[in-house]
Structure formats: structure tokens, C-alpha cells
């Protein structure tokens, strides 16, 4: 491997002439190397039951659709605004561009943020994450802690903080 340092300060011309003929043949399966644009138009709508419906559209395509729409897997990540993404809840969704966030899974009165990424079901790579959507969970019982979080180490300890 060779490394070259180029400067854009002056006007210079570079020509590369290898001392031998270079040939490379590579067979690439396009369907094994698909990376879609990120999902778009994320929206969050409260339901009558107090849940929240997260919806989106597949990224790319013409006329707002994509030829892979029916064969996409999605990864939904959501968290309270102050939490790091590493601690977000991840959900996997197939064939549909929506996810119902149950009020029982949300801390009442807390502000949340979510984003989505997609990939073809059989092969390919995940897209970049979509733009985020924000919402606030409906208020609950004032006596309930609003930031209770419990983590189990899968052996013998449950650590709760609030």
C-alpha cells in the first residue's frame, strides 16, 4: 500500500503511472450489498388508550415508496431524552412501518426521543438512523417515581435507581 500527501494550496497536477498493468476482477452481488437511505417522515401520535403510535416511511424510492417496502426489517430505538443511546430500548419490526409504544413501557411525564433504521430482510446493511422524533409520555399518578430504573445482572443482583 502506498500513501500520498496532497496539498490543495497550490495548483499542481499529478499523474499516476504504475510500472505494470493493473487488472482487478470483482463479482459483486448488488442485493448482498444494499444499504438503503434512512427512513423518513417519523411521526408520533397518542392513542385513545394512552399509548403512542410511531410511524415512518421507507427512505428513498420514487413517489414516496420503495421497491423493497414489503421485505424490510426495521430497528426502532427509543429512550428518555436524558439517557444515552447505549441505554435505549431496541425493538425489531418486520414488514410494517409502525410500532406501538405501550404506555406501560413509558415513564409517565417523561420526555422521549426515538429514531428508526432499516435493512432488506434477506441481506444487506442497516441504513443510517433516521431523524429523531420527540414526545412526552402522558402524566400518571403523582405518587409514582418518574425515573425509576431497575437493572438485573442476570445472576443475583437487582440494582434500582431513581
N, C-alpha and C. Protein backbone atom coordinates (compact mmCIF):
# COMPACT_ATOMS: atom_id res chain seq x y z
N UNK A 1 0.82 -1.17 0.00
CA UNK A 1 0.00 0.00 0.00
C UNK A 1 0.87 1.24 0.00
N UNK A 2 0.48 2.21 -0.77
CA UNK A 2 1.21 3.48 -0.82
C UNK A 2 0.37 4.57 -0.20
N UNK A 3 1.03 5.53 0.40
CA UNK A 3 0.35 6.69 0.98
C UNK A 3 0.93 7.94 0.36
N UNK A 4 0.06 8.86 0.03
CA UNK A 4 0.48 10.12 -0.57
C UNK A 4 -0.16 11.26 0.19
N UNK A 5 0.55 12.34 0.34
CA UNK A 5 0.03 13.55 0.96
C UNK A 5 -0.16 14.58 -0.14
N UNK A 6 -1.38 15.09 -0.28
CA UNK A 6 -1.68 16.07 -1.31
C UNK A 6 -2.03 17.39 -0.65
N UNK A 7 -1.69 18.45 -1.29
CA UNK A 7 -2.00 19.79 -0.79
C UNK A 7 -2.91 20.49 -1.78
N UNK A 8 -3.92 21.16 -1.27
CA UNK A 8 -4.85 21.89 -2.14
C UNK A 8 -4.50 23.37 -2.21
N UNK A 9 -3.35 23.75 -1.67
CA UNK A 9 -2.98 25.17 -1.63
C UNK A 9 -2.48 25.69 -2.97
N UNK A 10 -1.79 24.88 -3.71
CA UNK A 10 -1.25 25.33 -4.99
C UNK A 10 -1.90 24.57 -6.13
N UNK A 11 -1.64 25.06 -7.32
CA UNK A 11 -2.16 24.35 -8.49
C UNK A 11 -1.09 23.39 -8.97
N UNK A 12 -1.35 22.12 -8.77
CA UNK A 12 -0.41 21.10 -9.18
C UNK A 12 -1.18 20.00 -9.89
N UNK A 13 -0.51 19.31 -10.75
CA UNK A 13 -1.13 18.22 -11.49
C UNK A 13 -0.36 16.95 -11.16
N UNK A 14 -1.10 15.89 -10.90
CA UNK A 14 -0.48 14.61 -10.57
C UNK A 14 -0.93 13.56 -11.58
N UNK A 15 -0.01 12.74 -11.99
CA UNK A 15 -0.31 11.64 -12.88
C UNK A 15 0.27 10.38 -12.26
N UNK A 16 -0.52 9.33 -12.27
CA UNK A 16 -0.06 8.06 -11.71
C UNK A 16 0.11 7.07 -12.86
N UNK A 17 1.30 6.54 -12.95
CA UNK A 17 1.58 5.54 -13.99
C UNK A 17 2.24 4.34 -13.32
N UNK A 18 1.44 3.31 -13.09
CA UNK A 18 2.04 2.12 -12.48
C UNK A 18 3.05 1.49 -13.42
N UNK A 19 4.03 0.80 -12.86
CA UNK A 19 5.07 0.20 -13.67
C UNK A 19 4.64 -1.15 -14.26
N UNK A 20 3.39 -1.54 -14.01
CA UNK A 20 2.86 -2.76 -14.60
C UNK A 20 1.36 -2.58 -14.82
N UNK A 21 0.79 -3.42 -15.65
CA UNK A 21 -0.62 -3.35 -15.94
C UNK A 21 -1.40 -3.88 -14.72
N UNK A 22 -2.38 -3.10 -14.30
CA UNK A 22 -3.18 -3.49 -13.14
C UNK A 22 -4.57 -3.93 -13.61
N UNK A 23 -4.96 -5.12 -13.18
CA UNK A 23 -6.29 -5.63 -13.51
C UNK A 23 -6.90 -6.23 -12.26
N UNK A 24 -8.14 -5.90 -12.05
CA UNK A 24 -8.88 -6.47 -10.93
C UNK A 24 -10.24 -6.87 -11.45
N UNK A 25 -10.64 -8.08 -11.11
CA UNK A 25 -11.97 -8.52 -11.46
C UNK A 25 -12.69 -8.85 -10.17
N UNK A 26 -13.87 -8.27 -10.01
CA UNK A 26 -14.61 -8.45 -8.78
C UNK A 26 -16.08 -8.66 -9.13
N UNK A 27 -16.63 -9.75 -8.69
CA UNK A 27 -18.05 -10.00 -8.88
C UNK A 27 -18.78 -9.53 -7.63
N UNK A 28 -19.70 -8.62 -7.82
CA UNK A 28 -20.43 -8.05 -6.69
C UNK A 28 -21.91 -8.35 -6.86
N UNK A 29 -22.50 -8.97 -5.86
CA UNK A 29 -23.95 -9.19 -5.86
C UNK A 29 -24.60 -7.94 -5.28
N UNK A 30 -25.32 -7.22 -6.12
CA UNK A 30 -25.93 -5.98 -5.66
C UNK A 30 -26.87 -6.19 -4.49
N UNK A 31 -27.62 -7.27 -4.49
CA UNK A 31 -28.59 -7.49 -3.44
C UNK A 31 -27.94 -7.88 -2.11
N UNK A 32 -26.70 -8.29 -2.12
CA UNK A 32 -25.98 -8.57 -0.88
C UNK A 32 -25.33 -7.31 -0.32
N UNK A 33 -25.35 -6.23 -1.08
CA UNK A 33 -24.65 -5.02 -0.69
C UNK A 33 -25.56 -3.78 -0.70
N UNK A 34 -26.82 -3.98 -0.38
CA UNK A 34 -27.78 -2.88 -0.37
C UNK A 34 -27.71 -2.16 0.98
N UNK A 35 -27.62 -0.83 0.91
CA UNK A 35 -27.80 -0.01 2.11
C UNK A 35 -28.75 1.11 1.71
N UNK A 36 -29.94 1.04 2.27
CA UNK A 36 -30.99 1.98 1.93
C UNK A 36 -30.76 3.34 2.58
N UNK A 37 -31.40 4.38 2.05
CA UNK A 37 -31.42 5.66 2.77
C UNK A 37 -32.20 5.46 4.07
N UNK A 38 -31.99 6.30 5.06
CA UNK A 38 -32.71 6.13 6.33
C UNK A 38 -34.21 6.36 6.15
N UNK A 39 -35.02 5.74 7.03
CA UNK A 39 -36.45 6.02 7.00
C UNK A 39 -36.70 7.52 7.19
N UNK A 40 -37.88 7.96 6.75
CA UNK A 40 -38.19 9.39 6.80
C UNK A 40 -39.60 9.60 7.32
N UNK A 41 -39.92 10.85 7.56
CA UNK A 41 -41.26 11.26 8.00
C UNK A 41 -41.72 10.54 9.25
N UNK A 42 -40.84 10.44 10.25
CA UNK A 42 -41.24 9.86 11.52
C UNK A 42 -42.31 10.73 12.15
N UNK A 43 -43.30 10.07 12.77
CA UNK A 43 -44.38 10.78 13.42
C UNK A 43 -44.81 9.98 14.63
N UNK A 44 -45.22 10.67 15.67
CA UNK A 44 -45.69 10.00 16.88
C UNK A 44 -47.07 10.56 17.20
N UNK A 45 -48.04 9.65 17.40
CA UNK A 45 -49.42 10.04 17.64
C UNK A 45 -49.94 9.34 18.89
N UNK A 46 -50.50 10.10 19.84
CA UNK A 46 -51.10 9.44 21.02
C UNK A 46 -52.39 8.72 20.62
N UNK A 47 -52.64 7.59 21.26
CA UNK A 47 -53.87 6.83 21.02
C UNK A 47 -54.86 7.13 22.14
N UNK A 48 -56.10 6.72 21.95
CA UNK A 48 -57.13 6.93 22.98
C UNK A 48 -56.81 6.15 24.25
N UNK A 49 -56.07 5.06 24.12
CA UNK A 49 -55.73 4.23 25.29
C UNK A 49 -54.54 4.77 26.06
N UNK A 50 -53.90 5.83 25.57
CA UNK A 50 -52.75 6.40 26.27
C UNK A 50 -51.42 5.88 25.76
N UNK A 51 -51.45 5.04 24.72
CA UNK A 51 -50.22 4.57 24.10
C UNK A 51 -49.78 5.59 23.05
N UNK A 52 -48.66 5.31 22.38
CA UNK A 52 -48.18 6.20 21.31
C UNK A 52 -47.86 5.35 20.08
N UNK A 53 -48.34 5.78 18.92
CA UNK A 53 -48.07 5.08 17.67
C UNK A 53 -46.98 5.81 16.91
N UNK A 54 -45.85 5.13 16.73
CA UNK A 54 -44.73 5.66 15.96
C UNK A 54 -44.86 5.15 14.54
N UNK A 55 -44.87 6.07 13.56
CA UNK A 55 -44.97 5.68 12.16
C UNK A 55 -43.84 6.33 11.37
N UNK A 56 -43.51 5.74 10.20
CA UNK A 56 -42.47 6.26 9.34
C UNK A 56 -42.68 5.75 7.93
N UNK A 57 -41.91 6.27 7.01
CA UNK A 57 -41.90 5.79 5.62
C UNK A 57 -40.51 5.32 5.29
N UNK A 58 -40.42 4.32 4.42
CA UNK A 58 -39.12 3.82 3.97
C UNK A 58 -38.39 4.94 3.24
N UNK A 59 -37.11 5.03 3.43
CA UNK A 59 -36.32 6.07 2.77
C UNK A 59 -36.09 5.75 1.31
N UNK A 60 -35.90 6.79 0.53
CA UNK A 60 -35.58 6.61 -0.89
C UNK A 60 -36.78 6.25 -1.72
N UNK A 61 -36.51 5.76 -2.90
CA UNK A 61 -37.58 5.37 -3.81
C UNK A 61 -38.19 6.58 -4.50
N UNK A 62 -39.06 6.30 -5.42
CA UNK A 62 -39.77 7.37 -6.12
C UNK A 62 -41.22 7.33 -5.70
N UNK A 63 -41.90 8.43 -5.81
CA UNK A 63 -43.30 8.54 -5.43
C UNK A 63 -43.53 8.14 -3.98
N UNK A 64 -42.53 8.33 -3.13
CA UNK A 64 -42.68 8.04 -1.71
C UNK A 64 -42.69 6.57 -1.36
N UNK A 65 -42.35 5.70 -2.28
CA UNK A 65 -42.34 4.28 -1.97
C UNK A 65 -41.00 3.69 -2.38
N UNK A 66 -40.78 2.47 -1.96
CA UNK A 66 -39.53 1.79 -2.28
C UNK A 66 -39.87 0.38 -2.74
N UNK A 67 -39.15 -0.14 -3.72
CA UNK A 67 -39.44 -1.46 -4.26
C UNK A 67 -39.23 -2.57 -3.24
N UNK A 68 -38.54 -2.28 -2.14
CA UNK A 68 -38.34 -3.28 -1.09
C UNK A 68 -39.29 -3.12 0.10
N UNK A 69 -40.27 -2.23 -0.01
CA UNK A 69 -41.13 -1.91 1.13
C UNK A 69 -41.64 -3.12 1.89
N UNK A 70 -42.06 -4.14 1.18
CA UNK A 70 -42.68 -5.30 1.83
C UNK A 70 -41.67 -6.28 2.40
N UNK A 71 -40.39 -6.05 2.19
CA UNK A 71 -39.38 -7.00 2.66
C UNK A 71 -38.31 -6.32 3.50
N UNK A 72 -38.72 -5.33 4.27
CA UNK A 72 -37.76 -4.59 5.09
C UNK A 72 -37.90 -4.95 6.56
N UNK A 73 -36.77 -5.01 7.22
CA UNK A 73 -36.72 -5.10 8.67
C UNK A 73 -36.35 -3.73 9.19
N UNK A 74 -36.94 -3.37 10.31
CA UNK A 74 -36.65 -2.08 10.93
C UNK A 74 -36.14 -2.29 12.35
N UNK A 75 -35.30 -1.39 12.77
CA UNK A 75 -34.84 -1.35 14.15
C UNK A 75 -35.28 -0.01 14.71
N UNK A 76 -36.09 -0.05 15.76
CA UNK A 76 -36.59 1.14 16.43
C UNK A 76 -35.82 1.28 17.73
N UNK A 77 -35.30 2.46 17.99
CA UNK A 77 -34.63 2.74 19.26
C UNK A 77 -35.33 3.93 19.89
N UNK A 78 -35.68 3.79 21.18
CA UNK A 78 -36.27 4.92 21.89
C UNK A 78 -35.73 4.98 23.31
N UNK A 79 -35.74 6.18 23.86
CA UNK A 79 -35.17 6.39 25.19
C UNK A 79 -35.72 7.70 25.76
N UNK A 80 -35.52 7.89 27.05
CA UNK A 80 -35.80 9.19 27.63
C UNK A 80 -34.73 10.15 27.14
N UNK A 81 -35.09 11.41 26.98
CA UNK A 81 -34.17 12.36 26.35
C UNK A 81 -32.81 12.43 27.04
N UNK A 82 -32.76 12.30 28.34
CA UNK A 82 -31.51 12.46 29.07
C UNK A 82 -30.64 11.20 29.08
N UNK A 83 -31.17 10.07 28.65
CA UNK A 83 -30.41 8.83 28.66
C UNK A 83 -29.50 8.75 27.43
N UNK A 84 -28.37 8.05 27.54
CA UNK A 84 -27.51 7.85 26.35
C UNK A 84 -28.16 6.82 25.43
N UNK A 85 -27.86 6.90 24.14
CA UNK A 85 -28.43 5.94 23.18
C UNK A 85 -28.01 4.51 23.50
N UNK A 86 -26.88 4.32 24.15
CA UNK A 86 -26.43 2.96 24.50
C UNK A 86 -27.41 2.29 25.46
N UNK A 87 -28.20 3.06 26.16
CA UNK A 87 -29.17 2.51 27.10
C UNK A 87 -30.59 2.53 26.54
N UNK A 88 -30.73 2.81 25.26
CA UNK A 88 -32.06 2.90 24.67
C UNK A 88 -32.69 1.51 24.55
N UNK A 89 -33.99 1.50 24.43
CA UNK A 89 -34.72 0.26 24.18
C UNK A 89 -34.72 0.02 22.68
N UNK A 90 -34.35 -1.18 22.26
CA UNK A 90 -34.31 -1.54 20.84
C UNK A 90 -35.43 -2.55 20.56
N UNK A 91 -36.14 -2.30 19.47
CA UNK A 91 -37.22 -3.18 19.06
C UNK A 91 -37.04 -3.48 17.58
N UNK A 92 -37.28 -4.73 17.19
CA UNK A 92 -37.16 -5.12 15.79
C UNK A 92 -38.56 -5.33 15.22
N UNK A 93 -38.79 -4.73 14.05
CA UNK A 93 -40.10 -4.76 13.40
C UNK A 93 -39.91 -5.22 11.96
N UNK A 94 -40.81 -6.09 11.46
CA UNK A 94 -40.72 -6.57 10.08
C UNK A 94 -42.00 -6.26 9.33
N UNK A 95 -41.86 -5.88 8.06
CA UNK A 95 -42.96 -5.73 7.11
C UNK A 95 -43.93 -4.59 7.38
N UNK A 96 -43.80 -3.89 8.46
CA UNK A 96 -44.69 -2.76 8.74
C UNK A 96 -43.86 -1.54 9.11
N UNK A 97 -44.40 -0.38 8.83
CA UNK A 97 -43.66 0.85 9.13
C UNK A 97 -44.33 1.60 10.28
N UNK A 98 -44.58 0.86 11.36
CA UNK A 98 -45.13 1.47 12.57
C UNK A 98 -44.80 0.59 13.76
N UNK A 99 -44.86 1.21 14.94
CA UNK A 99 -44.65 0.47 16.18
C UNK A 99 -45.46 1.15 17.27
N UNK A 100 -46.19 0.35 18.06
CA UNK A 100 -47.00 0.88 19.15
C UNK A 100 -46.18 0.88 20.43
N UNK A 101 -45.95 2.07 20.97
CA UNK A 101 -45.23 2.21 22.24
C UNK A 101 -46.28 2.20 23.35
N UNK A 102 -46.28 1.14 24.13
CA UNK A 102 -47.28 0.98 25.19
C UNK A 102 -47.01 1.93 26.34
N UNK A 103 -48.07 2.52 26.87
CA UNK A 103 -47.89 3.46 28.00
C UNK A 103 -47.25 2.77 29.19
N UNK A 104 -47.45 1.43 29.31
CA UNK A 104 -46.84 0.69 30.40
C UNK A 104 -45.32 0.59 30.29
N UNK A 105 -44.79 0.84 29.10
CA UNK A 105 -43.34 0.80 28.89
C UNK A 105 -42.70 2.17 29.00
N UNK A 106 -43.51 3.19 29.25
CA UNK A 106 -43.01 4.57 29.32
C UNK A 106 -43.18 5.12 30.73
N UNK A 107 -42.25 5.97 31.14
CA UNK A 107 -42.33 6.62 32.44
C UNK A 107 -43.25 7.83 32.30
N UNK A 108 -44.35 7.87 33.07
CA UNK A 108 -45.30 8.98 32.94
C UNK A 108 -44.62 10.34 33.07
N UNK A 109 -44.99 11.26 32.17
CA UNK A 109 -44.49 12.63 32.21
C UNK A 109 -43.08 12.81 31.69
N UNK A 110 -42.42 11.74 31.27
CA UNK A 110 -41.03 11.84 30.79
C UNK A 110 -41.00 12.19 29.31
N UNK A 111 -39.96 12.94 28.93
CA UNK A 111 -39.74 13.30 27.52
C UNK A 111 -38.93 12.18 26.87
N UNK A 112 -39.36 11.77 25.68
CA UNK A 112 -38.73 10.67 24.95
C UNK A 112 -38.26 11.12 23.58
N UNK A 113 -37.36 10.33 23.02
CA UNK A 113 -36.87 10.52 21.65
C UNK A 113 -36.73 9.14 21.01
N UNK A 114 -37.03 9.05 19.72
CA UNK A 114 -36.93 7.77 19.00
C UNK A 114 -36.37 8.01 17.61
N UNK A 115 -35.72 7.00 17.06
CA UNK A 115 -35.33 7.00 15.66
C UNK A 115 -35.38 5.57 15.13
N UNK A 116 -35.30 5.44 13.80
CA UNK A 116 -35.51 4.15 13.14
C UNK A 116 -34.45 3.98 12.05
N UNK A 117 -34.05 2.74 11.82
CA UNK A 117 -33.22 2.42 10.66
C UNK A 117 -33.76 1.17 10.01
N UNK A 118 -33.38 0.93 8.75
CA UNK A 118 -33.95 -0.19 8.01
C UNK A 118 -32.87 -0.99 7.29
N UNK A 119 -33.26 -2.20 6.91
CA UNK A 119 -32.39 -3.03 6.07
C UNK A 119 -33.26 -4.04 5.34
N UNK A 120 -32.81 -4.47 4.16
CA UNK A 120 -33.53 -5.54 3.48
C UNK A 120 -33.50 -6.81 4.33
N UNK A 121 -34.59 -7.56 4.34
CA UNK A 121 -34.69 -8.71 5.23
C UNK A 121 -33.64 -9.77 4.99
N UNK A 122 -33.38 -10.14 3.75
CA UNK A 122 -32.52 -11.28 3.48
C UNK A 122 -31.03 -10.97 3.48
N UNK A 123 -30.65 -9.76 3.18
CA UNK A 123 -29.24 -9.41 3.14
C UNK A 123 -29.11 -7.90 3.12
N UNK A 124 -27.90 -7.44 3.09
CA UNK A 124 -27.67 -6.00 3.06
C UNK A 124 -27.26 -5.47 4.41
N UNK A 125 -27.25 -4.15 4.51
CA UNK A 125 -26.76 -3.47 5.70
C UNK A 125 -27.83 -2.52 6.21
N UNK A 126 -27.76 -2.24 7.51
CA UNK A 126 -28.68 -1.25 8.07
C UNK A 126 -28.39 0.12 7.49
N UNK A 127 -29.45 0.89 7.30
CA UNK A 127 -29.31 2.28 6.87
C UNK A 127 -28.74 3.09 8.03
N UNK A 128 -28.43 4.33 7.75
CA UNK A 128 -28.13 5.26 8.84
C UNK A 128 -29.43 5.46 9.62
N UNK A 129 -29.32 6.01 10.82
CA UNK A 129 -30.51 6.29 11.62
C UNK A 129 -31.29 7.44 11.00
N UNK A 130 -32.59 7.39 11.14
CA UNK A 130 -33.47 8.47 10.68
C UNK A 130 -33.29 9.69 11.57
N UNK A 131 -33.91 10.77 11.17
CA UNK A 131 -34.02 11.92 12.07
C UNK A 131 -34.86 11.48 13.26
N UNK A 132 -34.66 12.13 14.38
CA UNK A 132 -35.36 11.74 15.60
C UNK A 132 -36.72 12.42 15.70
N UNK A 133 -37.60 11.79 16.47
CA UNK A 133 -38.90 12.38 16.80
C UNK A 133 -38.99 12.41 18.33
N UNK A 134 -39.57 13.48 18.86
CA UNK A 134 -39.66 13.67 20.31
C UNK A 134 -41.12 13.70 20.74
N UNK A 135 -41.39 13.24 21.96
CA UNK A 135 -42.72 13.33 22.55
C UNK A 135 -42.59 13.22 24.06
N UNK A 136 -43.69 13.54 24.75
CA UNK A 136 -43.74 13.42 26.20
C UNK A 136 -44.85 12.45 26.56
N UNK A 137 -44.50 11.47 27.39
CA UNK A 137 -45.48 10.49 27.84
C UNK A 137 -46.52 11.20 28.72
N UNK A 138 -47.73 10.70 28.68
CA UNK A 138 -48.81 11.31 29.46
C UNK A 138 -48.52 11.19 30.94
N UNK A 139 -48.99 12.20 31.68
CA UNK A 139 -48.81 12.21 33.13
C UNK A 139 -49.50 11.02 33.76
N UNK A 140 -48.95 10.55 34.86
CA UNK A 140 -49.53 9.42 35.57
C UNK A 140 -49.79 9.80 37.01
N UNK A 141 -49.80 8.83 37.87
CA UNK A 141 -50.01 9.03 39.29
C UNK A 141 -48.84 9.82 39.87
N UNK A 142 -49.14 10.92 40.53
CA UNK A 142 -48.10 11.79 41.11
C UNK A 142 -47.23 11.05 42.13
N UNK A 143 -47.76 10.01 42.78
CA UNK A 143 -47.01 9.29 43.81
C UNK A 143 -45.98 8.33 43.22
N UNK A 144 -46.12 7.99 41.95
CA UNK A 144 -45.20 7.06 41.32
C UNK A 144 -43.88 7.77 40.97
N UNK A 145 -42.73 7.11 41.20
CA UNK A 145 -41.46 7.72 40.80
C UNK A 145 -41.41 7.87 39.28
N UNK A 146 -40.86 8.99 38.82
CA UNK A 146 -40.84 9.26 37.39
C UNK A 146 -39.58 8.77 36.69
N UNK A 147 -38.59 8.40 37.42
CA UNK A 147 -37.35 7.99 36.77
C UNK A 147 -36.80 6.70 37.35
N UNK A 148 -37.67 5.83 37.83
CA UNK A 148 -37.25 4.55 38.38
C UNK A 148 -36.71 3.67 37.26
N UNK A 149 -35.54 3.11 37.50
CA UNK A 149 -34.93 2.18 36.53
C UNK A 149 -34.27 1.06 37.32
N UNK A 150 -34.59 -0.17 36.95
CA UNK A 150 -34.00 -1.33 37.61
C UNK A 150 -33.29 -2.19 36.58
N UNK A 151 -32.08 -2.60 36.91
CA UNK A 151 -31.27 -3.44 36.03
C UNK A 151 -30.85 -4.70 36.80
N UNK A 152 -31.07 -5.86 36.20
CA UNK A 152 -30.73 -7.15 36.80
C UNK A 152 -29.46 -7.66 36.15
N UNK A 153 -28.49 -8.11 36.94
CA UNK A 153 -27.21 -8.57 36.39
C UNK A 153 -27.28 -10.00 35.87
N UNK A 154 -28.45 -10.60 35.84
CA UNK A 154 -28.74 -11.95 35.37
C UNK A 154 -28.20 -13.04 36.29
N UNK A 155 -27.67 -12.64 37.46
CA UNK A 155 -27.16 -13.63 38.42
C UNK A 155 -27.88 -13.52 39.75
N UNK A 156 -27.57 -12.44 40.48
CA UNK A 156 -28.09 -12.36 41.84
C UNK A 156 -28.36 -10.95 42.35
N UNK A 157 -28.26 -9.94 41.48
CA UNK A 157 -28.46 -8.58 41.96
C UNK A 157 -29.40 -7.79 41.06
N UNK A 158 -30.29 -7.06 41.71
CA UNK A 158 -31.17 -6.12 41.02
C UNK A 158 -30.80 -4.74 41.53
N UNK A 159 -30.37 -3.87 40.64
CA UNK A 159 -29.95 -2.51 41.01
C UNK A 159 -31.01 -1.53 40.51
N UNK A 160 -31.63 -0.82 41.44
CA UNK A 160 -32.65 0.16 41.07
C UNK A 160 -32.17 1.56 41.46
N UNK A 161 -32.48 2.50 40.61
CA UNK A 161 -32.15 3.89 40.90
C UNK A 161 -33.32 4.78 40.53
N UNK A 162 -33.41 5.91 41.20
CA UNK A 162 -34.46 6.89 40.92
C UNK A 162 -34.04 8.25 41.39
